[in-house]
Amino acid sequence: MTLAIPGNVIPSFTELIIELSLLFARDETENANLKATDLLKTRLEAEAAALFYEDGRGQFRFCLAGADFPISLPESRWKECIEPLGDNEAVTRFGPWSIPGFDREIAYWIAIRLYSAEGSIGFILLGRSDEAWPEHSERILPVVSRMIESIADIRIRKARAERQALLTEERFQSLFEASPDMIYTADAQDRFTSINKAGLRLLGIAFPTDILGQKVETVLADPECRPHLVERALMHGDSAVNELILRHGPGESPLFCLESLTIIRRADGSVREFQGIVKDITQRMLYEQELQRSNLEMVELTTRLRETQTHMVQQEKLASIGQLAAGVAHEINNPLGFLKSNQATLIRYLARLKEAWSEFSRASPEESDRVDGKYRIRELFEELDSISEESEEGFNRIIRIVNGLRSFSRIDQTESFEEFDVEKGLDNTLTVAWNEIKYVAEVKKNYGGIPPVMAHGNEINQVFLNVLVNAAQAIASQNRKEKGLITVTTSQPPHPAGTEEFVRIAIEDDGPGIPEGVRKRIFEPFFTTKAPGEGTGLGLNISYNIVVKQHGGALRAESPAQGGTRFVIELPLHTPEELPSPAQS
């Protein structure tokens, strides 16, 4: 751009531009406006120089050459100053005029409006009394105004940016202090550089000075975990959520917390600081633990309820079977009584017939031989003797079965423990289970003549029945041609002094055996290896409860070296109520 400026003026104008540039480069404050006003007055040979402007905070200001500081103006006063100047964007000439508030009137004035990116912001005013302003002033003043406008734009943007930064800082500071969670920063060496009030409360610390400068790891219940938490953040893009436990003052319980850790880096990639937000989740953890404990208790209660219900059903079934067995035994006993009586009568009559035949044979041998040859009397007597013996054996067998049913069911048993003959109970149970056993196995009994025990006999019989039927089914599952073997052994092992006497019943089969992994679970409720619909998985669980929990005994499964399975049942001689207490033993 070429300016029509006289040659003798150009050096002075050039110096003015340079001096203004240096002035605003060195000083970005409002004091530079005062110096710029003085410089304009001197270089442009003005009698008065003034600068009206709107600063970055939206306040109206006024600088006068020779003054010591800018003057703040209310909006009404500002309007009084600019009304005579109109709204012309070009250089304006006017006068005579005096700056409002100053008495001295000056004849010749020249002015130019100042603009920012957002509109008009003020004026440059120059006045002289001796002569009018030359034409080249109208070319110099726009250049000066553009420089001042640029500086003003920069100041406005900077001031607004500072206000925004201050507002943002205040907001973050408010958020920092008002947050209910612990917020902290730490330097590259992981030492605390700031912490909010919530963090101090969480750590049980009174003043920030008590923690600033210390390592973050010092507030952790396990300081050695801090490097791992930082390493985890490094592996996940400089940000990670970690679970940690904080210390909370001397004698206080540790706090379970959740930390959001962020790593801030410099331009060269090195760590500048760590920023962390720590939320106390102790109550939530306690609630979850309490809920989990309640759930476990509920599951346990539900399991007990199911076991109790199942046990009651089994007891009802057993009682029903007992009543049925007792009813059947009673119904059989009635005809059995007169059949047995008739059998005895027939045997007596047969004896009398045999005696009569003997007398007839002695009296008339020839005639008896003829009758015997025709009717085979002697052979009939022999067959009748054999039939009588077989009938007697059959009646006795029926009587044993009926007695076994009555003894097995024990429907007349009271709730209290009674004396129970274990070996007789085994015999009765074998009688009941014989139909399940006789086709697949032989039974070998090794009874040791053990003393009776105090027990609920029907429940112990139920245990025997469960074990014997399981043994028979295990052998049957092999589908072998020959029968298997079930061995029932009773004994009374020696016991150390001061311990309870007990008897041992071992029921062993030569079936396929039970794998170790399955053997550990066979007493669990509802656990079964049978196909669906073939077993409930409750027999051995109920047996365990009867022997262990109700009778204070022991029930276990073993795998003999020769194969198969051995169930060992141990019963104390006395009732659980009679056992010595821990204080007595």
Foldseek 3Di string as FASTA:
>chain_A
DDAPDDPVLVVLLVVLVVVLVVLCVVDLDCVSVQVNQQSCCVSQVFPWKKKWFQALVRWTWIHIHPDDDIDTDDPVLQCVQCVVVPDDQAKDWDDQDDGPPDDDTFGIKIKHFAAEPVGTTIMIMTGHHPDYRDPSCSVSVVVVRVVVNVSRNVRNVVVVVVVVVVVVVVVVVCCQAVPLWWKFKAFLVQFTPDIYPNNCQQQVHDDPVVGGRHHPLVFFPHSVCVVVVQVVCVVVVQWDKDWTWGHHDPPDDIFTKIKIKGFDADPVGRTGMIIIIIDTCRVVVVVVVVVVVVVVVVVVVVVVVVLVVVVVVVVVVLLVLLVVLLVVLVVCVVVLVVVVVVLVVVVVVLVVVVVVLVVVCVVDVVVSVVVCVVVVVVVVSVVVVVVSVVVVVVSVVSVVLSVLSNQLSVNVDDPFWDWADVVSLLVSLCSVCVVLAVVAEDEAEAEPPDGTATADSNLVSLLSNLVVNVQSVQRVVVVDDDHWYWYWYKDWDDDDPPDFTKIKIKIWTQGQADDPVVQVCLLPFQDDPDDPPPDRSCSNVSSQCRQCVFQVWDWGWDADPNGTIMIMGMGTRYGPVPRDDPVVD
